[in-house]
């Protein structure tokens, strides 16, 4: 299996009004314009049809809204791995961990989905609000602190496809994030 993400160049500007400061009502522009693909083989380059696809938010759009989150926490284009079915901790869903890649700031995201300076994990997770909110309550848009955020139903389907193809908790899936032309 292989993951490919195509990041829209428009995603790099999450503010509705770039001249205004970051705010809950201004940092939600160009949301979830990126495309997430799962292939059984090499994917787009190999011209096979994707097994799964969905929209995704891959740009950290919480800068100025959540202390310690910076746009540079976004994963950079290039290769990465996704560790299947990691501990959910603060999430209602069962997320997957992003690892073995770099952020736009150049920090290495290691095997445990964290960097040397940030103990918060880089994950693939859904839009559901954290566990401090009622289960099933979605956020208004996909908010990312550097994670890959996908719609709830798509994360459930993606996880079912992994399970049905023999992927177990802790298994690594190779991926590549490509910047759109």
C-alpha atoms as a PDB file:
ATOM      1  CA  UNK A   1       0.000   0.000   0.000  1.00  0.00           C
ATOM      2  CA  UNK A   2       1.073   3.554  -0.662  1.00  0.00           C
ATOM      3  CA  UNK A   3      -0.337   6.938   0.292  1.00  0.00           C
ATOM      4  CA  UNK A   4      -0.072  10.012  -1.890  1.00  0.00           C
ATOM      5  CA  UNK A   5      -1.264  13.461  -0.914  1.00  0.00           C
ATOM      6  CA  UNK A   6      -1.563  16.247  -3.442  1.00  0.00           C
ATOM      7  CA  UNK A   7      -1.361  19.612  -1.661  1.00  0.00           C
ATOM      8  CA  UNK A   8      -3.093  22.500  -3.376  1.00  0.00           C
ATOM      9  CA  UNK A   9      -0.950  25.626  -3.635  1.00  0.00           C
ATOM     10  CA  UNK A  10      -4.000  27.561  -2.380  1.00  0.00           C
ATOM     11  CA  UNK A  11      -3.874  25.599   0.903  1.00  0.00           C
ATOM     12  CA  UNK A  12      -0.733  27.498   1.847  1.00  0.00           C
ATOM     13  CA  UNK A  13      -2.899  30.575   2.548  1.00  0.00           C
ATOM     14  CA  UNK A  14      -5.378  29.597   5.268  1.00  0.00           C
ATOM     15  CA  UNK A  15      -6.433  33.180   6.068  1.00  0.00           C
ATOM     16  CA  UNK A  16      -9.603  34.445   4.377  1.00  0.00           C
ATOM     17  CA  UNK A  17      -8.171  37.947   4.554  1.00  0.00           C
ATOM     18  CA  UNK A  18      -4.342  37.730   4.508  1.00  0.00           C
ATOM     19  CA  UNK A  19      -3.934  41.321   5.702  1.00  0.00           C
ATOM     20  CA  UNK A  20      -5.870  40.606   8.921  1.00  0.00           C
ATOM     21  CA  UNK A  21      -4.525  38.738  11.969  1.00  0.00           C
ATOM     22  CA  UNK A  22      -5.140  35.051  12.584  1.00  0.00           C
ATOM     23  CA  UNK A  23      -8.542  34.441  14.163  1.00  0.00           C
ATOM     24  CA  UNK A  24     -11.163  31.671  14.373  1.00  0.00           C
ATOM     25  CA  UNK A  25     -13.179  33.481  11.703  1.00  0.00           C
ATOM     26  CA  UNK A  26     -10.203  34.301   9.472  1.00  0.00           C
ATOM     27  CA  UNK A  27      -7.889  31.247   9.567  1.00  0.00           C
ATOM     28  CA  UNK A  28     -10.430  28.874   8.019  1.00  0.00           C
ATOM     29  CA  UNK A  29     -10.045  29.820   4.360  1.00  0.00           C
ATOM     30  CA  UNK A  30      -8.915  27.384   1.663  1.00  0.00           C
ATOM     31  CA  UNK A  31      -9.785  24.551   4.030  1.00  0.00           C
ATOM     32  CA  UNK A  32      -9.409  20.902   3.010  1.00  0.00           C
ATOM     33  CA  UNK A  33      -8.379  21.576  -0.579  1.00  0.00           C
ATOM     34  CA  UNK A  34      -5.736  18.821  -0.535  1.00  0.00           C
ATOM     35  CA  UNK A  35      -6.419  15.302  -1.850  1.00  0.00           C
ATOM     36  CA  UNK A  36      -5.506  12.112   0.023  1.00  0.00           C
ATOM     37  CA  UNK A  37      -5.102   8.883  -1.994  1.00  0.00           C
ATOM     38  CA  UNK A  38      -4.482   5.291  -0.945  1.00  0.00           C
ATOM     39  CA  UNK A  39      -3.196   2.860  -3.564  1.00  0.00           C
ATOM     40  CA  UNK A  40      -2.495  -0.852  -3.412  1.00  0.00           C
ATOM     41  CA  UNK A  41       0.671  -0.223  -5.445  1.00  0.00           C
ATOM     42  CA  UNK A  42       2.684   2.800  -6.570  1.00  0.00           C
ATOM     43  CA  UNK A  43      -0.325   4.971  -7.318  1.00  0.00           C
ATOM     44  CA  UNK A  44      -0.511   8.031  -9.513  1.00  0.00           C
ATOM     45  CA  UNK A  45       2.920   7.533 -11.072  1.00  0.00           C
ATOM     46  CA  UNK A  46       2.017   3.907 -11.782  1.00  0.00           C
ATOM     47  CA  UNK A  47      -1.364   4.912 -13.274  1.00  0.00           C
ATOM     48  CA  UNK A  48      -3.425   2.638 -11.059  1.00  0.00           C
ATOM     49  CA  UNK A  49      -6.830   3.612  -9.700  1.00  0.00           C
ATOM     50  CA  UNK A  50      -6.874   4.644  -6.057  1.00  0.00           C
ATOM     51  CA  UNK A  51      -8.402   2.248  -3.563  1.00  0.00           C
ATOM     52  CA  UNK A  52      -9.523   5.245  -1.488  1.00  0.00           C
ATOM     53  CA  UNK A  53      -9.554   9.029  -1.826  1.00  0.00           C
ATOM     54  CA  UNK A  54     -10.815  11.942   0.253  1.00  0.00           C
ATOM     55  CA  UNK A  55     -10.250  15.625   0.886  1.00  0.00           C
ATOM     56  CA  UNK A  56      -7.715  16.599   3.543  1.00  0.00           C
ATOM     57  CA  UNK A  57      -6.362  19.582   5.464  1.00  0.00           C
ATOM     58  CA  UNK A  58      -2.547  19.369   5.591  1.00  0.00           C
ATOM     59  CA  UNK A  59      -1.578  22.952   6.469  1.00  0.00           C
ATOM     60  CA  UNK A  60      -1.272  24.043  10.102  1.00  0.00           C
ATOM     61  CA  UNK A  61      -4.031  26.648  10.278  1.00  0.00           C
ATOM     62  CA  UNK A  62      -4.075  27.112  14.074  1.00  0.00           C
ATOM     63  CA  UNK A  63      -1.167  29.585  14.193  1.00  0.00           C
ATOM     64  CA  UNK A  64      -2.113  32.481  16.444  1.00  0.00           C
ATOM     65  CA  UNK A  65      -5.142  30.566  17.746  1.00  0.00           C
ATOM     66  CA  UNK A  66      -3.478  27.775  19.714  1.00  0.00           C
ATOM     67  CA  UNK A  67      -0.332  28.636  21.703  1.00  0.00           C
ATOM     68  CA  UNK A  68       2.738  26.899  20.379  1.00  0.00           C
ATOM     69  CA  UNK A  69       1.290  26.071  16.942  1.00  0.00           C
ATOM     70  CA  UNK A  70       3.097  27.583  13.966  1.00  0.00           C
ATOM     71  CA  UNK A  71       2.454  27.354  10.240  1.00  0.00           C
ATOM     72  CA  UNK A  72       5.949  25.853   9.971  1.00  0.00           C
ATOM     73  CA  UNK A  73       4.632  22.801  11.912  1.00  0.00           C
ATOM     74  CA  UNK A  74       3.090  21.710   8.588  1.00  0.00           C
ATOM     75  CA  UNK A  75       4.726  18.596   7.130  1.00  0.00           C
ATOM     76  CA  UNK A  76       6.912  19.435   4.163  1.00  0.00           C
ATOM     77  CA  UNK A  77       6.474  17.925   0.700  1.00  0.00           C
ATOM     78  CA  UNK A  78       8.339  14.657   0.334  1.00  0.00           C
ATOM     79  CA  UNK A  79       8.196  11.181   1.755  1.00  0.00           C
ATOM     80  CA  UNK A  80       6.671  10.226   5.083  1.00  0.00           C
ATOM     81  CA  UNK A  81       5.285   7.157   6.800  1.00  0.00           C
ATOM     82  CA  UNK A  82       1.966   6.638   8.503  1.00  0.00           C
ATOM     83  CA  UNK A  83       1.951   4.412  11.590  1.00  0.00           C
ATOM     84  CA  UNK A  84      -1.416   2.648  11.654  1.00  0.00           C
ATOM     85  CA  UNK A  85      -3.831   2.767  14.577  1.00  0.00           C
ATOM     86  CA  UNK A  86      -1.929   4.680  17.266  1.00  0.00           C
ATOM     87  CA  UNK A  87      -3.227   5.441  20.770  1.00  0.00           C
ATOM     88  CA  UNK A  88      -6.155   7.861  20.612  1.00  0.00           C
ATOM     89  CA  UNK A  89      -5.361   9.850  23.812  1.00  0.00           C
ATOM     90  CA  UNK A  90      -7.308  13.108  23.302  1.00  0.00           C
ATOM     91  CA  UNK A  91      -9.339  11.949  20.290  1.00  0.00           C
ATOM     92  CA  UNK A  92     -12.619  10.059  19.989  1.00  0.00           C
ATOM     93  CA  UNK A  93     -11.322   8.447  16.785  1.00  0.00           C
ATOM     94  CA  UNK A  94      -8.416   6.050  16.405  1.00  0.00           C
ATOM     95  CA  UNK A  95      -5.775   8.202  14.675  1.00  0.00           C
ATOM     96  CA  UNK A  96      -2.738   7.193  12.667  1.00  0.00           C
ATOM     97  CA  UNK A  97       0.723   8.665  13.395  1.00  0.00           C
ATOM     98  CA  UNK A  98       2.757  10.660  10.889  1.00  0.00           C
ATOM     99  CA  UNK A  99       6.456   9.841  11.160  1.00  0.00           C
ATOM    100  CA  UNK A 100       9.839   9.823   9.441  1.00  0.00           C
ATOM    101  CA  UNK A 101       9.476  13.191   7.752  1.00  0.00           C
ATOM    102  CA  UNK A 102      10.192  16.878   8.357  1.00  0.00           C
ATOM    103  CA  UNK A 103       8.137  19.948   9.119  1.00  0.00           C
ATOM    104  CA  UNK A 104       8.427  23.118   7.042  1.00  0.00           C
ATOM    105  CA  UNK A 105      10.646  24.401   9.904  1.00  0.00           C
ATOM    106  CA  UNK A 106      13.027  21.494   9.248  1.00  0.00           C
ATOM    107  CA  UNK A 107      12.245  19.553  12.444  1.00  0.00           C
ATOM    108  CA  UNK A 108      12.368  15.767  12.163  1.00  0.00           C
ATOM    109  CA  UNK A 109       9.145  13.954  13.044  1.00  0.00           C
ATOM    110  CA  UNK A 110      10.420  10.656  14.408  1.00  0.00           C
ATOM    111  CA  UNK A 111       9.063   7.160  14.968  1.00  0.00           C
ATOM    112  CA  UNK A 112       6.750   8.264  17.785  1.00  0.00           C
ATOM    113  CA  UNK A 113       5.211  11.074  15.653  1.00  0.00           C
ATOM    114  CA  UNK A 114       6.847  13.862  17.692  1.00  0.00           C
ATOM    115  CA  UNK A 115       9.805  16.196  17.236  1.00  0.00           C
ATOM    116  CA  UNK A 116      12.693  16.813  19.638  1.00  0.00           C
ATOM    117  CA  UNK A 117      11.126  20.135  20.691  1.00  0.00           C
ATOM    118  CA  UNK A 118       7.408  19.252  20.602  1.00  0.00           C
ATOM    119  CA  UNK A 119       5.881  16.299  22.502  1.00  0.00           C
ATOM    120  CA  UNK A 120       2.513  16.735  20.734  1.00  0.00           C
ATOM    121  CA  UNK A 121       2.000  14.135  18.044  1.00  0.00           C
ATOM    122  CA  UNK A 122       1.600  14.680  14.297  1.00  0.00           C
ATOM    123  CA  UNK A 123      -1.406  12.561  13.335  1.00  0.00           C
ATOM    124  CA  UNK A 124      -3.945  11.720  10.706  1.00  0.00           C
ATOM    125  CA  UNK A 125      -7.280  12.233  12.465  1.00  0.00           C
ATOM    126  CA  UNK A 126     -10.863  13.323  11.850  1.00  0.00           C
ATOM    127  CA  UNK A 127     -12.755  16.604  12.335  1.00  0.00           C
ATOM    128  CA  UNK A 128     -14.393  15.487  15.575  1.00  0.00           C
ATOM    129  CA  UNK A 129     -13.825  17.750  18.530  1.00  0.00           C
ATOM    130  CA  UNK A 130     -11.432  16.443  21.184  1.00  0.00           C
ATOM    131  CA  UNK A 131     -12.622  14.289  24.087  1.00  0.00           C
ATOM    132  CA  UNK A 132     -13.355  17.346  26.191  1.00  0.00           C
ATOM    133  CA  UNK A 133     -16.415  17.874  23.920  1.00  0.00           C
ATOM    134  CA  UNK A 134     -19.401  15.532  23.368  1.00  0.00           C
ATOM    135  CA  UNK A 135     -18.725  12.550  21.097  1.00  0.00           C
ATOM    136  CA  UNK A 136     -19.797  13.133  17.524  1.00  0.00           C
ATOM    137  CA  UNK A 137     -19.474  16.910  17.700  1.00  0.00           C
ATOM    138  CA  UNK A 138     -17.539  18.065  14.653  1.00  0.00           C
ATOM    139  CA  UNK A 139     -15.512  21.229  14.471  1.00  0.00           C
ATOM    140  CA  UNK A 140     -16.763  23.853  11.995  1.00  0.00           C
ATOM    141  CA  UNK A 141     -13.824  23.239   9.624  1.00  0.00           C
ATOM    142  CA  UNK A 142     -10.754  20.997   9.692  1.00  0.00           C
ATOM    143  CA  UNK A 143      -8.359  22.575  12.215  1.00  0.00           C
ATOM    144  CA  UNK A 144      -4.762  21.378  11.986  1.00  0.00           C
ATOM    145  CA  UNK A 145      -1.701  21.915  14.151  1.00  0.00           C
ATOM    146  CA  UNK A 146       0.365  20.178  11.454  1.00  0.00           C
ATOM    147  CA  UNK A 147      -1.744  17.013  11.253  1.00  0.00           C
ATOM    148  CA  UNK A 148      -3.548  15.504   8.264  1.00  0.00           C
ATOM    149  CA  UNK A 149      -7.225  16.086   9.039  1.00  0.00           C
ATOM    150  CA  UNK A 150      -9.957  14.255   7.080  1.00  0.00           C
ATOM    151  CA  UNK A 151     -13.755  13.999   7.419  1.00  0.00           C
ATOM    152  CA  UNK A 152     -14.995  11.580  10.083  1.00  0.00           C
ATOM    153  CA  UNK A 153     -16.633   9.065   7.720  1.00  0.00           C
ATOM    154  CA  UNK A 154     -13.518   9.031   5.524  1.00  0.00           C
ATOM    155  CA  UNK A 155     -11.223   8.215   8.457  1.00  0.00           C
ATOM    156  CA  UNK A 156     -13.545   5.341   9.420  1.00  0.00           C
ATOM    157  CA  UNK A 157     -13.541   4.018   5.836  1.00  0.00           C
ATOM    158  CA  UNK A 158      -9.759   4.442   5.478  1.00  0.00           C
ATOM    159  CA  UNK A 159      -9.178   2.538   8.721  1.00  0.00           C
ATOM    160  CA  UNK A 160     -11.544  -0.253   7.627  1.00  0.00           C
ATOM    161  CA  UNK A 161      -9.666  -0.584   4.329  1.00  0.00           C
ATOM    162  CA  UNK A 162      -6.379  -0.870   6.237  1.00  0.00           C
ATOM    163  CA  UNK A 163      -7.826  -3.558   8.507  1.00  0.00           C
ATOM    164  CA  UNK A 164      -9.340  -5.459   5.572  1.00  0.00           C
ATOM    165  CA  UNK A 165      -5.927  -5.467   3.881  1.00  0.00           C
ATOM    166  CA  UNK A 166      -4.115  -6.911   6.894  1.00  0.00           C
ATOM    167  CA  UNK A 167      -2.647  -3.687   8.292  1.00  0.00           C
ATOM    168  CA  UNK A 168      -2.246  -3.980  12.066  1.00  0.00           C
ATOM    169  CA  UNK A 169      -1.622  -1.393  14.802  1.00  0.00           C
ATOM    170  CA  UNK A 170       1.942  -0.129  14.519  1.00  0.00           C
ATOM    171  CA  UNK A 171       2.437  -1.127  10.869  1.00  0.00           C
ATOM    172  CA  UNK A 172       4.031   1.541   8.674  1.00  0.00           C
ATOM    173  CA  UNK A 173       2.605   2.664   5.340  1.00  0.00           C
ATOM    174  CA  UNK A 174       4.845   4.618   2.971  1.00  0.00           C
ATOM    175  CA  UNK A 175       3.564   7.926   1.710  1.00  0.00           C
ATOM    176  CA  UNK A 176       4.503  10.961  -0.307  1.00  0.00           C
ATOM    177  CA  UNK A 177       3.179  14.503  -0.137  1.00  0.00           C
ATOM    178  CA  UNK A 178       3.418  16.277  -3.474  1.00  0.00           C
ATOM    179  CA  UNK A 179       2.947  20.003  -3.995  1.00  0.00           C
ATOM    180  CA  UNK A 180       0.501  20.743  -6.809  1.00  0.00           C
ATOM    181  CA  UNK A 181       2.143  22.252  -9.911  1.00  0.00           C
END
